[in-house]
């Protein structure tokens, strides 16, 4: 019984993913065909060309909105950022103190 529900869950995820990709591609195509020919004089594109442009932009620019600090090496990057911010705040407070001393 458990295997059947896992298969059903995976099938639902696949169908949902396909619907989302189709909707995003359709919206991208409609926006392109509405704006680009008018603004830049470009030609209209088909659904498959829209899907190809989205895939190419994903390859070139990656990630797709996921937070930068998740995944491999993310905790190390966060640690470096925190150390940098601590040093920055220390320098900032030191400069503020020097300015107050000079004003007196």
Protein backbone atom coordinates (compact mmCIF):
# COMPACT_ATOMS: atom_id res chain seq x y z
CA UNK A 1 0.00 0.00 0.00
CA UNK A 2 2.82 2.40 0.87
CA UNK A 3 4.60 1.97 -2.49
CA UNK A 4 1.43 2.87 -4.35
CA UNK A 5 1.03 6.13 -2.47
CA UNK A 6 4.69 7.06 -3.11
CA UNK A 7 4.25 6.39 -6.82
CA UNK A 8 1.08 8.46 -6.85
CA UNK A 9 2.86 11.30 -5.01
CA UNK A 10 5.76 11.26 -7.49
CA UNK A 11 3.34 11.20 -10.44
CA UNK A 12 1.51 14.22 -9.01
CA UNK A 13 4.80 16.10 -8.59
CA UNK A 14 5.78 15.35 -12.20
CA UNK A 15 2.39 16.48 -13.54
CA UNK A 16 2.45 19.63 -11.37
CA UNK A 17 6.00 20.44 -12.56
CA UNK A 18 4.99 20.00 -16.20
CA UNK A 19 1.96 22.28 -15.72
CA UNK A 20 4.10 24.96 -14.05
CA UNK A 21 6.76 24.83 -16.79
CA UNK A 22 4.07 25.03 -19.46
CA UNK A 23 2.39 28.01 -17.76
CA UNK A 24 5.68 29.90 -17.31
CA UNK A 25 6.66 29.23 -20.93
CA UNK A 26 3.27 30.40 -22.20
CA UNK A 27 3.39 33.58 -20.09
CA UNK A 28 6.96 34.28 -21.28
CA UNK A 29 5.91 33.77 -24.91
CA UNK A 30 2.92 36.09 -24.55
CA UNK A 31 4.99 38.82 -22.89
CA UNK A 32 7.70 38.53 -25.55
CA UNK A 33 5.19 38.69 -28.40
CA UNK A 34 3.44 41.64 -26.78
CA UNK A 35 6.51 43.74 -25.93
CA UNK A 36 9.55 42.88 -28.04
CA UNK A 37 8.15 43.53 -31.53
CA UNK A 38 6.81 46.92 -30.47
CA UNK A 39 9.80 48.08 -28.42
CA UNK A 40 12.78 46.61 -30.30
CA UNK A 41 11.31 45.57 -33.65
CA UNK A 42 12.01 41.87 -33.05
CA UNK A 43 9.91 39.04 -34.46
CA UNK A 44 7.38 37.02 -32.50
CA UNK A 45 8.36 33.62 -31.11
CA UNK A 46 6.64 30.24 -30.85
CA UNK A 47 6.01 28.18 -27.73
CA UNK A 48 9.04 25.96 -28.35
CA UNK A 49 11.28 28.98 -29.00
CA UNK A 50 10.05 30.43 -25.71
CA UNK A 51 10.87 27.19 -23.91
CA UNK A 52 14.33 27.20 -25.52
CA UNK A 53 15.00 30.79 -24.42
CA UNK A 54 13.98 29.96 -20.85
CA UNK A 55 16.21 26.86 -20.84
CA UNK A 56 19.14 28.84 -22.25
CA UNK A 57 18.72 31.60 -19.67
CA UNK A 58 18.61 28.95 -16.92
CA UNK A 59 21.88 27.49 -18.21
CA UNK A 60 23.57 30.87 -18.54
CA UNK A 61 22.32 32.56 -15.38
CA UNK A 62 21.50 29.52 -13.24
CA UNK A 63 19.85 29.13 -9.84
CA UNK A 64 16.40 30.53 -10.71
CA UNK A 65 15.74 32.49 -7.60
CA UNK A 66 17.08 30.12 -4.96
CA UNK A 67 18.99 31.72 -2.08
CA UNK A 68 22.70 31.98 -2.74
CA UNK A 69 23.81 30.58 0.61
CA UNK A 70 22.02 27.24 0.38
CA UNK A 71 23.72 24.11 -0.78
CA UNK A 72 27.40 23.26 -0.97
CA UNK A 73 29.70 25.76 0.72
CA UNK A 74 26.79 27.90 1.85
CA UNK A 75 27.61 27.83 5.54
CA UNK A 76 31.20 28.84 4.81
CA UNK A 77 30.03 31.80 2.74
CA UNK A 78 27.68 32.86 5.54
CA UNK A 79 30.51 32.62 8.05
CA UNK A 80 32.76 34.84 5.91
CA UNK A 81 29.95 37.36 5.49
CA UNK A 82 29.34 37.49 9.24
CA UNK A 83 33.06 38.02 9.94
CA UNK A 84 33.16 40.81 7.36
CA UNK A 85 30.14 42.51 8.90
CA UNK A 86 31.66 42.31 12.39
CA UNK A 87 34.89 43.93 11.15
CA UNK A 88 32.92 46.57 9.29
CA UNK A 89 30.83 47.44 12.35
CA UNK A 90 33.94 47.61 14.53
CA UNK A 91 35.62 50.03 12.12
CA UNK A 92 32.45 52.08 11.84
CA UNK A 93 32.12 52.43 15.62
CA UNK A 94 35.83 53.36 15.88
CA UNK A 95 35.39 56.11 13.26
CA UNK A 96 32.30 57.40 15.07
CA UNK A 97 34.22 57.58 18.34
CA UNK A 98 37.10 59.47 16.67
CA UNK A 99 34.69 61.99 15.19
CA UNK A 100 33.09 62.56 18.58
CA UNK A 101 36.53 63.05 20.18
CA UNK A 102 37.51 65.58 17.48
CA UNK A 103 34.27 67.54 17.92
CA UNK A 104 34.86 68.01 21.67
